[in-house]
Amino acid sequence: MEILTMLSEFTTPDSLYYWETWIDDNFFLLAMFVFVIELIRYVFKRRISWQLIGDSATNFVTLGFLFLMVFIVGLAYVGAFLFAYENWSSGTYHSLAGP
């Protein structure tokens, strides 16, 4: 519990929200930066190969597809929620499409 008390003295909810938003918005750019640094390190160690570059690029394609799938699942969730709201709400409600 002392760690939480210490952390709450150094951070505020606003600063945590800022850092969370910044990391969410720039995660892919941070990953690309680390990737470039890693490739430069392999060049200096003379261990770079086309297979390593191809494997690394494949990892980023996989990461891109992960982002795409999360987006699609999010759209499906919102669509299912709106469908249920429009068709199965109990009581009086206001339609999102108008009166």
PDB file of N, CA and C in Angstrom:
ATOM      1  N   MET A   1       0.805  -1.189   0.000  1.00  0.00           N
ATOM      2  CA  MET A   1       0.000   0.000   0.000  1.00  0.00           C
ATOM      3  C   MET A   1       0.855   1.262   0.000  1.00  0.00           C
ATOM      4  N   GLU A   2       2.075   1.158   0.499  1.00  0.00           N
ATOM      5  CA  GLU A   2       2.949   2.328   0.523  1.00  0.00           C
ATOM      6  C   GLU A   2       3.317   2.779  -0.885  1.00  0.00           C
ATOM      7  N   ILE A   3       3.440   1.833  -1.799  1.00  0.00           N
ATOM      8  CA  ILE A   3       3.783   2.183  -3.173  1.00  0.00           C
ATOM      9  C   ILE A   3       2.660   3.000  -3.794  1.00  0.00           C
ATOM     10  N   LEU A   4       1.410   2.596  -3.579  1.00  0.00           N
ATOM     11  CA  LEU A   4       0.288   3.357  -4.117  1.00  0.00           C
ATOM     12  C   LEU A   4       0.223   4.758  -3.531  1.00  0.00           C
ATOM     13  N   THR A   5       0.501   4.881  -2.258  1.00  0.00           N
ATOM     14  CA  THR A   5       0.516   6.199  -1.626  1.00  0.00           C
ATOM     15  C   THR A   5       1.622   7.059  -2.225  1.00  0.00           C
ATOM     16  N   MET A   6       2.796   6.466  -2.421  1.00  0.00           N
ATOM     17  CA  MET A   6       3.904   7.200  -3.005  1.00  0.00           C
ATOM     18  C   MET A   6       3.578   7.620  -4.440  1.00  0.00           C
ATOM     19  N   LEU A   7       2.999   6.711  -5.230  1.00  0.00           N
ATOM     20  CA  LEU A   7       2.658   7.057  -6.605  1.00  0.00           C
ATOM     21  C   LEU A   7       1.587   8.131  -6.677  1.00  0.00           C
ATOM     22  N   SER A   8       0.638   8.108  -5.756  1.00  0.00           N
ATOM     23  CA  SER A   8      -0.414   9.119  -5.783  1.00  0.00           C
ATOM     24  C   SER A   8       0.121  10.501  -5.429  1.00  0.00           C
ATOM     25  N   GLU A   9       1.249  10.560  -4.745  1.00  0.00           N
ATOM     26  CA  GLU A   9       1.852  11.852  -4.460  1.00  0.00           C
ATOM     27  C   GLU A   9       2.519  12.450  -5.694  1.00  0.00           C
ATOM     28  N   PHE A  10       2.999  11.595  -6.601  1.00  0.00           N
ATOM     29  CA  PHE A  10       3.722  12.074  -7.785  1.00  0.00           C
ATOM     30  C   PHE A  10       2.832  12.233  -9.010  1.00  0.00           C
ATOM     31  N   THR A  11       1.675  11.623  -9.007  1.00  0.00           N
ATOM     32  CA  THR A  11       0.813  11.682 -10.182  1.00  0.00           C
ATOM     33  C   THR A  11      -0.563  12.201  -9.804  1.00  0.00           C
ATOM     34  N   THR A  12      -1.249  12.675 -10.817  1.00  0.00           N
ATOM     35  CA  THR A  12      -2.634  13.096 -10.657  1.00  0.00           C
ATOM     36  C   THR A  12      -3.468  12.316 -11.675  1.00  0.00           C
ATOM     37  N   PRO A  13      -4.762  12.235 -11.491  1.00  0.00           N
ATOM     38  CA  PRO A  13      -5.590  11.556 -12.492  1.00  0.00           C
ATOM     39  C   PRO A  13      -5.451  12.172 -13.884  1.00  0.00           C
ATOM     40  N   ASP A  14      -5.283  13.483 -13.948  1.00  0.00           N
ATOM     41  CA  ASP A  14      -5.121  14.143 -15.251  1.00  0.00           C
ATOM     42  C   ASP A  14      -3.827  13.726 -15.927  1.00  0.00           C
ATOM     43  N   SER A  15      -2.730  13.624 -15.151  1.00  0.00           N
ATOM     44  CA  SER A  15      -1.463  13.233 -15.769  1.00  0.00           C
ATOM     45  C   SER A  15      -1.505  11.769 -16.215  1.00  0.00           C
ATOM     46  N   LEU A  16      -2.160  10.912 -15.440  1.00  0.00           N
ATOM     47  CA  LEU A  16      -2.294   9.512 -15.862  1.00  0.00           C
ATOM     48  C   LEU A  16      -3.122   9.402 -17.133  1.00  0.00           C
ATOM     49  N   TYR A  17      -4.194  10.174 -17.206  1.00  0.00           N
ATOM     50  CA  TYR A  17      -5.014  10.182 -18.417  1.00  0.00           C
ATOM     51  C   TYR A  17      -4.208  10.684 -19.608  1.00  0.00           C
ATOM     52  N   TYR A  18      -3.409  11.722 -19.423  1.00  0.00           N
ATOM     53  CA  TYR A  18      -2.571  12.244 -20.503  1.00  0.00           C
ATOM     54  C   TYR A  18      -1.615  11.176 -21.012  1.00  0.00           C
ATOM     55  N   TRP A  19      -0.903  10.499 -20.097  1.00  0.00           N
ATOM     56  CA  TRP A  19       0.061   9.485 -20.510  1.00  0.00           C
ATOM     57  C   TRP A  19      -0.619   8.301 -21.181  1.00  0.00           C
ATOM     58  N   GLU A  20      -1.775   7.880 -20.674  1.00  0.00           N
ATOM     59  CA  GLU A  20      -2.502   6.776 -21.297  1.00  0.00           C
ATOM     60  C   GLU A  20      -2.919   7.139 -22.719  1.00  0.00           C
ATOM     61  N   THR A  21      -3.438   8.348 -22.890  1.00  0.00           N
ATOM     62  CA  THR A  21      -3.856   8.803 -24.214  1.00  0.00           C
ATOM     63  C   THR A  21      -2.666   8.923 -25.150  1.00  0.00           C
ATOM     64  N   TRP A  22      -1.566   9.456 -24.653  1.00  0.00           N
ATOM     65  CA  TRP A  22      -0.378   9.623 -25.487  1.00  0.00           C
ATOM     66  C   TRP A  22       0.157   8.275 -25.934  1.00  0.00           C
ATOM     67  N   ILE A  23       0.234   7.310 -25.034  1.00  0.00           N
ATOM     68  CA  ILE A  23       0.733   5.981 -25.387  1.00  0.00           C
ATOM     69  C   ILE A  23      -0.220   5.307 -26.369  1.00  0.00           C
ATOM     70  N   ASP A  24      -1.538   5.423 -26.138  1.00  0.00           N
ATOM     71  CA  ASP A  24      -2.504   4.834 -27.063  1.00  0.00           C
ATOM     72  C   ASP A  24      -2.381   5.430 -28.459  1.00  0.00           C
ATOM     73  N   ASP A  25      -2.198   6.728 -28.530  1.00  0.00           N
ATOM     74  CA  ASP A  25      -2.134   7.397 -29.827  1.00  0.00           C
ATOM     75  C   ASP A  25      -0.819   7.126 -30.558  1.00  0.00           C
ATOM     76  N   ASN A  26       0.262   6.900 -29.822  1.00  0.00           N
ATOM     77  CA  ASN A  26       1.574   6.807 -30.445  1.00  0.00           C
ATOM     78  C   ASN A  26       2.245   5.444 -30.301  1.00  0.00           C
ATOM     79  N   PHE A  27       1.492   4.414 -29.944  1.00  0.00           N
ATOM     80  CA  PHE A  27       2.089   3.101 -29.719  1.00  0.00           C
ATOM     81  C   PHE A  27       2.793   2.580 -30.964  1.00  0.00           C
ATOM     82  N   PHE A  28       2.134   2.680 -32.110  1.00  0.00           N
ATOM     83  CA  PHE A  28       2.727   2.160 -33.341  1.00  0.00           C
ATOM     84  C   PHE A  28       4.005   2.919 -33.683  1.00  0.00           C
ATOM     85  N   LEU A  29       4.014   4.227 -33.486  1.00  0.00           N
ATOM     86  CA  LEU A  29       5.221   5.010 -33.758  1.00  0.00           C
ATOM     87  C   LEU A  29       6.355   4.632 -32.810  1.00  0.00           C
ATOM     88  N   LEU A  30       6.029   4.396 -31.542  1.00  0.00           N
ATOM     89  CA  LEU A  30       7.049   3.954 -30.591  1.00  0.00           C
ATOM     90  C   LEU A  30       7.607   2.590 -30.987  1.00  0.00           C
ATOM     91  N   ALA A  31       6.738   1.690 -31.411  1.00  0.00           N
ATOM     92  CA  ALA A  31       7.189   0.370 -31.832  1.00  0.00           C
ATOM     93  C   ALA A  31       8.089   0.472 -33.068  1.00  0.00           C
ATOM     94  N   MET A  32       7.743   1.341 -34.012  1.00  0.00           N
ATOM     95  CA  MET A  32       8.586   1.525 -35.200  1.00  0.00           C
ATOM     96  C   MET A  32       9.945   2.107 -34.821  1.00  0.00           C
ATOM     97  N   PHE A  33       9.967   3.040 -33.874  1.00  0.00           N
ATOM     98  CA  PHE A  33      11.224   3.629 -33.421  1.00  0.00           C
ATOM     99  C   PHE A  33      12.123   2.562 -32.803  1.00  0.00           C
ATOM    100  N   VAL A  34      11.569   1.732 -31.930  1.00  0.00           N
ATOM    101  CA  VAL A  34      12.357   0.662 -31.319  1.00  0.00           C
ATOM    102  C   VAL A  34      12.832  -0.325 -32.382  1.00  0.00           C
ATOM    103  N   PHE A  35      11.990  -0.598 -33.370  1.00  0.00           N
ATOM    104  CA  PHE A  35      12.350  -1.491 -34.468  1.00  0.00           C
ATOM    105  C   PHE A  35      13.549  -0.948 -35.257  1.00  0.00           C
ATOM    106  N   VAL A  36      13.533   0.329 -35.574  1.00  0.00           N
ATOM    107  CA  VAL A  36      14.644   0.926 -36.322  1.00  0.00           C
ATOM    108  C   VAL A  36      15.926   0.889 -35.490  1.00  0.00           C
ATOM    109  N   ILE A  37      15.823   1.199 -34.199  1.00  0.00           N
ATOM    110  CA  ILE A  37      17.000   1.137 -33.320  1.00  0.00           C
ATOM    111  C   ILE A  37      17.559  -0.290 -33.280  1.00  0.00           C
ATOM    112  N   GLU A  38      16.679  -1.265 -33.215  1.00  0.00           N
ATOM    113  CA  GLU A  38      17.117  -2.656 -33.190  1.00  0.00           C
ATOM    114  C   GLU A  38      17.808  -3.054 -34.494  1.00  0.00           C
ATOM    115  N   LEU A  39      17.260  -2.622 -35.622  1.00  0.00           N
ATOM    116  CA  LEU A  39      17.906  -2.928 -36.903  1.00  0.00           C
ATOM    117  C   LEU A  39      19.275  -2.257 -37.007  1.00  0.00           C
ATOM    118  N   ILE A  40      19.398  -1.030 -36.530  1.00  0.00           N
ATOM    119  CA  ILE A  40      20.694  -0.346 -36.543  1.00  0.00           C
ATOM    120  C   ILE A  40      21.694  -1.100 -35.674  1.00  0.00           C
ATOM    121  N   ARG A  41      21.232  -1.599 -34.538  1.00  0.00           N
ATOM    122  CA  ARG A  41      22.105  -2.375 -33.653  1.00  0.00           C
ATOM    123  C   ARG A  41      22.601  -3.642 -34.356  1.00  0.00           C
ATOM    124  N   TYR A  42      21.700  -4.319 -35.075  1.00  0.00           N
ATOM    125  CA  TYR A  42      22.110  -5.524 -35.810  1.00  0.00           C
ATOM    126  C   TYR A  42      23.073  -5.200 -36.945  1.00  0.00           C
ATOM    127  N   VAL A  43      22.917  -4.025 -37.567  1.00  0.00           N
ATOM    128  CA  VAL A  43      23.857  -3.630 -38.626  1.00  0.00           C
ATOM    129  C   VAL A  43      25.249  -3.464 -38.042  1.00  0.00           C
ATOM    130  N   PHE A  44      25.347  -2.798 -36.879  1.00  0.00           N
ATOM    131  CA  PHE A  44      26.661  -2.613 -36.253  1.00  0.00           C
ATOM    132  C   PHE A  44      27.267  -3.921 -35.774  1.00  0.00           C
ATOM    133  N   LYS A  45      26.440  -4.856 -35.354  1.00  0.00           N
ATOM    134  CA  LYS A  45      26.954  -6.150 -34.910  1.00  0.00           C
ATOM    135  C   LYS A  45      27.197  -7.110 -36.081  1.00  0.00           C
ATOM    136  N   ARG A  46      26.848  -6.666 -37.293  1.00  0.00           N
ATOM    137  CA  ARG A  46      26.998  -7.444 -38.525  1.00  0.00           C
ATOM    138  C   ARG A  46      26.232  -8.769 -38.449  1.00  0.00           C
ATOM    139  N   ARG A  47      25.041  -8.721 -37.888  1.00  0.00           N
ATOM    140  CA  ARG A  47      24.197  -9.901 -37.785  1.00  0.00           C
ATOM    141  C   ARG A  47      22.890  -9.719 -38.557  1.00  0.00           C
ATOM    142  N   ILE A  48      22.821  -8.665 -39.379  1.00  0.00           N
ATOM    143  CA  ILE A  48      21.603  -8.385 -40.134  1.00  0.00           C
ATOM    144  C   ILE A  48      21.516  -9.340 -41.326  1.00  0.00           C
ATOM    145  N   SER A  49      20.314  -9.787 -41.629  1.00  0.00           N
ATOM    146  CA  SER A  49      20.094 -10.642 -42.799  1.00  0.00           C
ATOM    147  C   SER A  49      18.717 -10.317 -43.369  1.00  0.00           C
ATOM    148  N   TRP A  50      18.490 -10.744 -44.599  1.00  0.00           N
ATOM    149  CA  TRP A  50      17.195 -10.510 -45.221  1.00  0.00           C
ATOM    150  C   TRP A  50      16.094 -11.275 -44.490  1.00  0.00           C
ATOM    151  N   GLN A  51      16.439 -12.428 -43.942  1.00  0.00           N
ATOM    152  CA  GLN A  51      15.454 -13.205 -43.194  1.00  0.00           C
ATOM    153  C   GLN A  51      15.034 -12.447 -41.930  1.00  0.00           C
ATOM    154  N   LEU A  52      15.996 -11.828 -41.242  1.00  0.00           N
ATOM    155  CA  LEU A  52      15.681 -11.043 -40.054  1.00  0.00           C
ATOM    156  C   LEU A  52      14.797  -9.850 -40.407  1.00  0.00           C
ATOM    157  N   ILE A  53      15.110  -9.176 -41.503  1.00  0.00           N
ATOM    158  CA  ILE A  53      14.302  -8.032 -41.938  1.00  0.00           C
ATOM    159  C   ILE A  53      12.896  -8.497 -42.306  1.00  0.00           C
ATOM    160  N   GLY A  54      12.798  -9.621 -43.021  1.00  0.00           N
ATOM    161  CA  GLY A  54      11.481 -10.149 -43.397  1.00  0.00           C
ATOM    162  C   GLY A  54      10.659 -10.566 -42.190  1.00  0.00           C
ATOM    163  N   ASP A  55      11.288 -11.230 -41.226  1.00  0.00           N
ATOM    164  CA  ASP A  55      10.576 -11.628 -40.010  1.00  0.00           C
ATOM    165  C   ASP A  55      10.095 -10.413 -39.240  1.00  0.00           C
ATOM    166  N   SER A  56      10.925  -9.388 -39.163  1.00  0.00           N
ATOM    167  CA  SER A  56      10.552  -8.178 -38.433  1.00  0.00           C
ATOM    168  C   SER A  56       9.404  -7.450 -39.127  1.00  0.00           C
ATOM    169  N   ALA A  57       9.470  -7.367 -40.446  1.00  0.00           N
ATOM    170  CA  ALA A  57       8.383  -6.727 -41.189  1.00  0.00           C
ATOM    171  C   ALA A  57       7.085  -7.514 -41.031  1.00  0.00           C
ATOM    172  N   THR A  58       7.175  -8.832 -41.013  1.00  0.00           N
ATOM    173  CA  THR A  58       5.989  -9.664 -40.815  1.00  0.00           C
ATOM    174  C   THR A  58       5.365  -9.400 -39.455  1.00  0.00           C
ATOM    175  N   ASN A  59       6.196  -9.186 -38.446  1.00  0.00           N
ATOM    176  CA  ASN A  59       5.665  -8.865 -37.116  1.00  0.00           C
ATOM    177  C   ASN A  59       4.872  -7.565 -37.138  1.00  0.00           C
ATOM    178  N   PHE A  60       5.324  -6.575 -37.897  1.00  0.00           N
ATOM    179  CA  PHE A  60       4.589  -5.321 -37.962  1.00  0.00           C
ATOM    180  C   PHE A  60       3.315  -5.454 -38.783  1.00  0.00           C
ATOM    181  N   VAL A  61       3.337  -6.290 -39.795  1.00  0.00           N
ATOM    182  CA  VAL A  61       2.098  -6.555 -40.543  1.00  0.00           C
ATOM    183  C   VAL A  61       1.086  -7.220 -39.613  1.00  0.00           C
ATOM    184  N   THR A  62       1.555  -8.165 -38.799  1.00  0.00           N
ATOM    185  CA  THR A  62       0.680  -8.823 -37.828  1.00  0.00           C
ATOM    186  C   THR A  62       0.124  -7.809 -36.835  1.00  0.00           C
ATOM    187  N   LEU A  63       0.949  -6.894 -36.363  1.00  0.00           N
ATOM    188  CA  LEU A  63       0.488  -5.862 -35.444  1.00  0.00           C
ATOM    189  C   LEU A  63      -0.564  -4.978 -36.107  1.00  0.00           C
ATOM    190  N   GLY A  64      -0.355  -4.632 -37.367  1.00  0.00           N
ATOM    191  CA  GLY A  64      -1.344  -3.841 -38.102  1.00  0.00           C
ATOM    192  C   GLY A  64      -2.672  -4.568 -38.231  1.00  0.00           C
ATOM    193  N   PHE A  65      -2.629  -5.876 -38.525  1.00  0.00           N
ATOM    194  CA  PHE A  65      -3.859  -6.656 -38.609  1.00  0.00           C
ATOM    195  C   PHE A  65      -4.543  -6.768 -37.251  1.00  0.00           C
ATOM    196  N   LEU A  66      -3.762  -6.818 -36.177  1.00  0.00           N
ATOM    197  CA  LEU A  66      -4.354  -6.826 -34.844  1.00  0.00           C
ATOM    198  C   LEU A  66      -5.146  -5.541 -34.607  1.00  0.00           C
ATOM    199  N   PHE A  67      -4.558  -4.393 -34.966  1.00  0.00           N
ATOM    200  CA  PHE A  67      -5.271  -3.125 -34.825  1.00  0.00           C
ATOM    201  C   PHE A  67      -6.549  -3.127 -35.667  1.00  0.00           C
ATOM    202  N   LEU A  68      -6.461  -3.659 -36.884  1.00  0.00           N
ATOM    203  CA  LEU A  68      -7.623  -3.727 -37.763  1.00  0.00           C
ATOM    204  C   LEU A  68      -8.712  -4.614 -37.158  1.00  0.00           C
ATOM    205  N   MET A  69      -8.328  -5.748 -36.624  1.00  0.00           N
ATOM    206  CA  MET A  69      -9.317  -6.651 -36.026  1.00  0.00           C
ATOM    207  C   MET A  69      -9.970  -6.030 -34.794  1.00  0.00           C
ATOM    208  N   VAL A  70      -9.199  -5.337 -33.975  1.00  0.00           N
ATOM    209  CA  VAL A  70      -9.769  -4.666 -32.801  1.00  0.00           C
ATOM    210  C   VAL A  70     -10.765  -3.603 -33.248  1.00  0.00           C
ATOM    211  N   PHE A  71     -10.460  -2.890 -34.307  1.00  0.00           N
ATOM    212  CA  PHE A  71     -11.361  -1.875 -34.844  1.00  0.00           C
ATOM    213  C   PHE A  71     -12.653  -2.511 -35.344  1.00  0.00           C
ATOM    214  N   ILE A  72     -12.543  -3.625 -36.080  1.00  0.00           N
ATOM    215  CA  ILE A  72     -13.718  -4.312 -36.616  1.00  0.00           C
ATOM    216  C   ILE A  72     -14.588  -4.862 -35.487  1.00  0.00           C
ATOM    217  N   VAL A  73     -13.966  -5.461 -34.482  1.00  0.00           N
ATOM    218  CA  VAL A  73     -14.736  -5.970 -33.341  1.00  0.00           C
ATOM    219  C   VAL A  73     -15.419  -4.816 -32.614  1.00  0.00           C
ATOM    220  N   GLY A  74     -14.750  -3.690 -32.488  1.00  0.00           N
ATOM    221  CA  GLY A  74     -15.365  -2.515 -31.870  1.00  0.00           C
ATOM    222  C   GLY A  74     -16.575  -2.033 -32.655  1.00  0.00           C
ATOM    223  N   LEU A  75     -16.466  -2.000 -33.987  1.00  0.00           N
ATOM    224  CA  LEU A  75     -17.605  -1.608 -34.812  1.00  0.00           C
ATOM    225  C   LEU A  75     -18.763  -2.592 -34.663  1.00  0.00           C
ATOM    226  N   ALA A  76     -18.441  -3.889 -34.608  1.00  0.00           N
ATOM    227  CA  ALA A  76     -19.488  -4.902 -34.428  1.00  0.00           C
ATOM    228  C   ALA A  76     -20.182  -4.722 -33.083  1.00  0.00           C
ATOM    229  N   TYR A  77     -19.416  -4.420 -32.055  1.00  0.00           N
ATOM    230  CA  TYR A  77     -19.995  -4.182 -30.726  1.00  0.00           C
ATOM    231  C   TYR A  77     -20.939  -2.989 -30.753  1.00  0.00           C
ATOM    232  N   VAL A  78     -20.499  -1.899 -31.333  1.00  0.00           N
ATOM    233  CA  VAL A  78     -21.346  -0.707 -31.400  1.00  0.00           C
ATOM    234  C   VAL A  78     -22.592  -0.993 -32.234  1.00  0.00           C
ATOM    235  N   GLY A  79     -22.420  -1.705 -33.348  1.00  0.00           N
ATOM    236  CA  GLY A  79     -23.577  -2.053 -34.181  1.00  0.00           C
ATOM    237  C   GLY A  79     -24.564  -2.942 -33.449  1.00  0.00           C
ATOM    238  N   ALA A  80     -24.075  -3.932 -32.730  1.00  0.00           N
ATOM    239  CA  ALA A  80     -24.969  -4.815 -31.965  1.00  0.00           C
ATOM    240  C   ALA A  80     -25.673  -4.037 -30.855  1.00  0.00           C
ATOM    241  N   PHE A  81     -24.963  -3.142 -30.207  1.00  0.00           N
ATOM    242  CA  PHE A  81     -25.575  -2.327 -29.157  1.00  0.00           C
ATOM    243  C   PHE A  81     -26.687  -1.457 -29.729  1.00  0.00           C
ATOM    244  N   LEU A  82     -26.423  -0.787 -30.848  1.00  0.00           N
ATOM    245  CA  LEU A  82     -27.441   0.073 -31.444  1.00  0.00           C
ATOM    246  C   LEU A  82     -28.634  -0.741 -31.937  1.00  0.00           C
ATOM    247  N   PHE A  83     -28.384  -1.914 -32.509  1.00  0.00           N
ATOM    248  CA  PHE A  83     -29.472  -2.777 -32.958  1.00  0.00           C
ATOM    249  C   PHE A  83     -30.342  -3.196 -31.778  1.00  0.00           C
ATOM    250  N   ALA A  84     -29.706  -3.619 -30.691  1.00  0.00           N
ATOM    251  CA  ALA A  84     -30.469  -4.036 -29.509  1.00  0.00           C
ATOM    252  C   ALA A  84     -31.222  -2.851 -28.917  1.00  0.00           C
ATOM    253  N   TYR A  85     -30.609  -1.696 -28.899  1.00  0.00           N
ATOM    254  CA  TYR A  85     -31.253  -0.510 -28.353  1.00  0.00           C
ATOM    255  C   TYR A  85     -32.484  -0.133 -29.171  1.00  0.00           C
ATOM    256  N   GLU A  86     -32.349  -0.183 -30.495  1.00  0.00           N
ATOM    257  CA  GLU A  86     -33.446   0.199 -31.379  1.00  0.00           C
ATOM    258  C   GLU A  86     -34.585  -0.820 -31.353  1.00  0.00           C
ATOM    259  N   ASN A  87     -34.280  -2.098 -31.236  1.00  0.00           N
ATOM    260  CA  ASN A  87     -35.294  -3.123 -31.418  1.00  0.00           C
ATOM    261  C   ASN A  87     -35.792  -3.772 -30.135  1.00  0.00           C
ATOM    262  N   TRP A  88     -34.988  -3.796 -29.089  1.00  0.00           N
ATOM    263  CA  TRP A  88     -35.378  -4.555 -27.906  1.00  0.00           C
ATOM    264  C   TRP A  88     -35.407  -3.736 -26.624  1.00  0.00           C
ATOM    265  N   SER A  89     -35.366  -2.429 -26.719  1.00  0.00           N
ATOM    266  CA  SER A  89     -35.439  -1.620 -25.506  1.00  0.00           C
ATOM    267  C   SER A  89     -36.833  -1.706 -24.914  1.00  0.00           C
ATOM    268  N   SER A  90     -36.887  -1.809 -23.614  1.00  0.00           N
ATOM    269  CA  SER A  90     -38.187  -1.822 -22.958  1.00  0.00           C
ATOM    270  C   SER A  90     -38.548  -0.409 -22.534  1.00  0.00           C
ATOM    271  N   GLY A  91     -39.820  -0.116 -22.566  1.00  0.00           N
ATOM    272  CA  GLY A  91     -40.269   1.201 -22.139  1.00  0.00           C
ATOM    273  C   GLY A  91     -40.169   2.225 -23.246  1.00  0.00           C
ATOM    274  N   THR A  92     -40.284   3.465 -22.863  1.00  0.00           N
ATOM    275  CA  THR A  92     -40.238   4.564 -23.812  1.00  0.00           C
ATOM    276  C   THR A  92     -38.790   4.934 -24.097  1.00  0.00           C
ATOM    277  N   TYR A  93     -38.488   5.083 -25.349  1.00  0.00           N
ATOM    278  CA  TYR A  93     -37.138   5.502 -25.729  1.00  0.00           C
ATOM    279  C   TYR A  93     -37.245   6.375 -26.968  1.00  0.00           C
ATOM    280  N   HIS A  94     -36.178   7.091 -27.222  1.00  0.00           N
ATOM    281  CA  HIS A  94     -36.126   7.932 -28.403  1.00  0.00           C
ATOM    282  C   HIS A  94     -35.242   7.244 -29.432  1.00  0.00           C
ATOM    283  N   SER A  95     -35.773   7.107 -30.628  1.00  0.00           N
ATOM    284  CA  SER A  95     -35.017   6.455 -31.690  1.00  0.00           C
ATOM    285  C   SER A  95     -33.849   7.328 -32.103  1.00  0.00           C
ATOM    286  N   LEU A  96     -32.722   6.679 -32.428  1.00  0.00           N
ATOM    287  CA  LEU A  96     -31.573   7.433 -32.917  1.00  0.00           C
ATOM    288  C   LEU A  96     -31.791   7.926 -34.333  1.00  0.00           C
ATOM    289  N   ALA A  97     -32.717   7.272 -35.081  1.00  0.00           N
ATOM    290  CA  ALA A  97     -32.976   7.655 -36.460  1.00  0.00           C
ATOM    291  C   ALA A  97     -33.982   8.806 -36.563  1.00  0.00           C
ATOM    292  N   GLY A  98     -34.578   9.175 -35.475  1.00  0.00           N
ATOM    293  CA  GLY A  98     -35.566  10.254 -35.501  1.00  0.00           C
ATOM    294  C   GLY A  98     -36.904   9.754 -35.013  1.00  0.00           C
ATOM    295  N   PRO A  99     -37.944  10.625 -35.044  1.00  0.00           N
ATOM    296  CA  PRO A  99     -39.270  10.224 -34.527  1.00  0.00           C
ATOM    297  C   PRO A  99     -39.985   9.229 -35.406  1.00  0.00           C
TER     298      PRO A  99
END
